[in-house]
Amino acid sequence: MIFTARCRRSIGALAFSLLWVLAGGATVEPHLMPTPVIFKDERLDFAPALAAGLRSTRLSVFYATTRAPAGEGQPGHYINDAGDGMTLGVAAVRLGAPGWTWEDLVASNRTSTVEQARPGAVERVANFGKAREDGELGDAERRYMAAIDAQLARANNKELVLYVHRYRVTFDEVSVQMGSFAHFLGHGWAG
């Protein structure tokens, strides 16, 4: 069989597109982590241990990233390319579908499966600025630490959880996963 140059280019473009998708070039929708088994047991109710003001499908996830911000029209808030320095900020994360209540989220904990991922999203980010490269505390670092301190002041659990993600994940994916951890750890900490 003889292929024309145009046909070979079309086959090459198709093969490249398929490899791009298989290699992770496709957009991944952020989703909640699967529910840990202990949270599926209806005899156990962890909600009373969480302050009523923290029973929400929306929470804050603090971040420090060296990723470049997403440009106009690009999906997500940061891309996987290196940015200029380290940006400090807080992501407003929604757990569940738009419109879900706390009760909807807790009910979904009982029925979630790995095969049926529950949605989540980073609704917005607020940047405190760039961290100084000289190791001194600047305005961005002070505002970042003050926001974390304020979060800890509202929490019963005065712990800070750090999560270092693997590569080949998007910023929004990692932020929603961290929000999932916060949900199962009781929102009672800063992450």
Protein backbone atom coordinates (compact mmCIF):
# COMPACT_ATOMS: atom_id res chain seq x y z
CA MET A 1 0.00 0.00 0.00
CA ILE A 2 1.41 3.40 -0.98
CA PHE A 3 0.71 6.40 1.26
CA THR A 4 0.87 9.93 -0.08
CA ALA A 5 2.80 12.58 1.84
CA ARG A 6 -0.50 14.16 2.94
CA CYS A 7 -1.82 10.79 4.18
CA ARG A 8 1.43 10.15 6.11
CA ARG A 9 1.16 13.61 7.77
CA SER A 10 -2.46 12.88 8.75
CA ILE A 11 -1.53 9.52 10.23
CA GLY A 12 1.39 11.15 12.06
CA ALA A 13 -0.86 13.89 13.49
CA LEU A 14 -3.42 11.29 14.60
CA ALA A 15 -0.72 9.16 16.26
CA PHE A 16 0.72 12.23 18.02
CA SER A 17 -2.74 13.24 19.26
CA LEU A 18 -3.37 9.76 20.62
CA LEU A 19 0.02 9.70 22.37
CA TRP A 20 -0.67 13.18 23.82
CA VAL A 21 -3.88 11.94 25.40
CA LEU A 22 -2.31 8.71 26.65
CA ALA A 23 0.71 10.57 28.04
CA GLY A 24 -1.39 12.85 30.18
CA GLY A 25 -1.90 15.80 27.85
CA ALA A 26 -5.66 15.54 28.22
CA THR A 27 -7.38 17.68 30.82
CA VAL A 28 -8.17 15.83 34.04
CA GLU A 29 -11.25 16.94 35.92
CA PRO A 30 -10.50 17.47 39.61
CA HIS A 31 -12.26 14.99 41.87
CA LEU A 32 -12.47 14.05 45.53
CA MET A 33 -10.42 11.21 46.88
CA PRO A 34 -12.29 7.95 47.48
CA THR A 35 -13.90 7.80 50.91
CA PRO A 36 -11.81 5.96 53.52
CA VAL A 37 -13.63 2.80 54.62
CA ILE A 38 -14.19 3.99 58.20
CA PHE A 39 -16.30 6.92 56.94
CA LYS A 40 -18.66 4.56 55.11
CA ASP A 41 -19.89 2.96 58.33
CA GLU A 42 -23.23 4.62 59.21
CA ARG A 43 -22.77 3.69 62.88
CA LEU A 44 -19.89 6.16 63.07
CA ASP A 45 -20.77 9.84 62.88
CA PHE A 46 -17.78 12.16 62.91
CA ALA A 47 -19.74 15.33 62.10
CA PRO A 48 -20.42 16.34 65.74
CA ALA A 49 -16.66 16.62 66.32
CA LEU A 50 -16.51 19.34 63.66
CA ALA A 51 -17.56 22.86 64.62
CA ALA A 52 -20.86 23.79 62.95
CA GLY A 53 -19.22 26.76 61.22
CA LEU A 54 -16.81 24.41 59.43
CA ARG A 55 -19.48 22.04 58.08
CA SER A 56 -19.31 23.24 54.51
CA THR A 57 -18.55 21.97 51.03
CA ARG A 58 -16.22 24.95 50.60
CA LEU A 59 -12.85 25.28 52.26
CA SER A 60 -9.49 26.96 51.94
CA VAL A 61 -6.33 25.20 50.80
CA PHE A 62 -3.09 27.15 51.26
CA TYR A 63 -0.40 26.66 48.64
CA ALA A 64 3.16 27.55 47.71
CA THR A 65 3.82 26.90 44.03
CA THR A 66 6.60 27.46 41.54
CA ARG A 67 4.21 26.88 38.64
CA ALA A 68 3.38 29.60 36.12
CA PRO A 69 -0.12 31.06 36.27
CA ALA A 70 -2.56 29.88 33.59
CA GLY A 71 -3.02 32.37 30.80
CA GLU A 72 -6.26 33.72 29.44
CA GLY A 73 -8.32 30.83 28.02
CA GLN A 74 -6.14 28.10 29.57
CA PRO A 75 -7.81 25.61 31.91
CA GLY A 76 -7.03 25.71 35.61
CA HIS A 77 -5.29 28.33 37.67
CA TYR A 78 -1.65 27.32 37.21
CA ILE A 79 0.04 25.33 34.45
CA ASN A 80 2.81 22.76 34.74
CA ASP A 81 5.49 25.13 33.39
CA ALA A 82 7.91 26.78 35.80
CA GLY A 83 6.92 30.24 36.91
CA ASP A 84 8.93 33.17 38.17
CA GLY A 85 9.72 32.32 41.80
CA MET A 86 7.39 30.86 44.41
CA THR A 87 3.83 32.16 44.66
CA LEU A 88 2.04 31.97 48.01
CA GLY A 89 -1.74 31.87 48.11
CA VAL A 90 -4.98 30.23 49.11
CA ALA A 91 -7.35 28.28 46.86
CA ALA A 92 -11.11 28.30 47.46
CA VAL A 93 -12.04 24.64 46.94
CA ARG A 94 -15.55 23.25 46.45
CA LEU A 95 -16.12 19.61 47.39
CA GLY A 96 -18.90 17.97 45.39
CA ALA A 97 -21.09 19.21 42.57
CA PRO A 98 -22.26 22.83 42.45
CA GLY A 99 -25.19 23.25 44.82
CA TRP A 100 -24.28 20.35 47.10
CA THR A 101 -24.96 20.91 50.79
CA TRP A 102 -22.89 19.56 53.68
CA GLU A 103 -25.50 16.80 54.04
CA ASP A 104 -25.14 15.88 50.34
CA LEU A 105 -21.37 15.62 50.74
CA VAL A 106 -21.60 13.46 53.87
CA ALA A 107 -24.21 11.22 52.19
CA SER A 108 -21.90 10.80 49.19
CA ASN A 109 -19.18 9.57 51.55
CA ARG A 110 -21.28 6.49 52.28
CA THR A 111 -21.74 5.55 48.61
CA SER A 112 -18.60 6.77 46.83
CA THR A 113 -16.48 4.35 44.84
CA VAL A 114 -13.21 4.62 42.96
CA GLU A 115 -15.12 4.04 39.71
CA GLN A 116 -17.61 6.87 40.42
CA ALA A 117 -15.39 9.82 41.27
CA ARG A 118 -17.13 12.75 42.94
CA PRO A 119 -16.49 16.17 41.44
CA GLY A 120 -14.69 19.05 43.04
CA ALA A 121 -13.30 22.35 41.82
CA VAL A 122 -11.03 25.23 42.63
CA GLU A 123 -13.46 28.12 42.37
CA ARG A 124 -10.83 30.85 42.71
CA VAL A 125 -7.36 31.57 44.03
CA ALA A 126 -6.07 34.53 46.02
CA ASN A 127 -2.37 35.22 45.76
CA PHE A 128 -0.44 36.82 48.60
CA GLY A 129 2.52 37.44 46.29
CA LYS A 130 5.96 36.01 45.61
CA ALA A 131 8.13 34.62 48.37
CA ARG A 132 11.40 36.45 48.75
CA GLU A 133 14.41 34.61 47.40
CA ASP A 134 16.78 35.87 50.11
CA GLY A 135 15.00 33.94 52.89
CA GLU A 136 13.85 37.09 54.66
CA LEU A 137 10.19 37.59 55.56
CA GLY A 138 8.45 39.92 53.16
CA ASP A 139 4.89 41.18 52.89
CA ALA A 140 3.71 38.07 51.00
CA GLU A 141 5.11 35.71 53.63
CA ARG A 142 3.62 37.73 56.48
CA ARG A 143 0.15 37.82 54.89
CA TYR A 144 0.36 34.09 54.08
CA MET A 145 1.31 33.18 57.67
CA ALA A 146 -1.37 35.50 59.09
CA ALA A 147 -4.03 33.76 56.96
CA ILE A 148 -2.83 30.33 58.14
CA ASP A 149 -2.83 31.57 61.75
CA ALA A 150 -6.41 32.84 61.31
CA GLN A 151 -7.46 29.43 59.94
CA LEU A 152 -5.84 27.65 62.87
CA ALA A 153 -7.56 30.02 65.33
CA ARG A 154 -10.96 28.80 64.03
CA ALA A 155 -9.96 25.14 64.24
CA ASN A 156 -10.19 22.68 67.10
CA ASN A 157 -7.09 20.87 65.86
CA LYS A 158 -4.08 23.19 65.74
CA GLU A 159 -2.15 21.11 63.21
CA LEU A 160 -0.71 22.03 59.86
CA VAL A 161 -0.75 19.36 57.15
CA LEU A 162 1.73 19.61 54.28
CA TYR A 163 1.14 17.65 51.10
CA VAL A 164 3.85 17.40 48.46
CA HIS A 165 2.19 16.15 45.30
CA ARG A 166 3.67 13.98 42.62
CA TYR A 167 4.39 15.32 39.18
CA ARG A 168 1.99 14.99 36.23
CA VAL A 169 -0.95 16.39 38.15
CA THR A 170 -2.59 19.75 37.72
CA PHE A 171 -2.72 22.46 40.36
CA ASP A 172 -6.52 22.22 40.53
CA GLU A 173 -6.36 18.42 40.85
CA VAL A 174 -3.94 18.65 43.78
CA SER A 175 -5.93 21.42 45.48
CA VAL A 176 -9.17 19.41 45.35
CA GLN A 177 -7.34 16.32 46.64
CA MET A 178 -5.97 18.38 49.53
CA GLY A 179 -9.50 19.66 50.17
CA SER A 180 -10.62 16.02 50.32
CA PHE A 181 -7.94 15.28 52.91
CA ALA A 182 -9.17 18.27 54.92
CA HIS A 183 -12.73 16.98 54.75
CA PHE A 184 -11.78 13.57 56.12
CA LEU A 185 -9.39 15.01 58.68
CA GLY A 186 -12.17 17.23 60.00
CA HIS A 187 -11.30 20.66 58.53
CA GLY A 188 -9.80 21.29 61.93
CA TRP A 189 -6.37 22.23 60.64
CA ALA A 190 -4.71 24.37 58.02
CA GLY A 191 -3.61 22.76 54.77
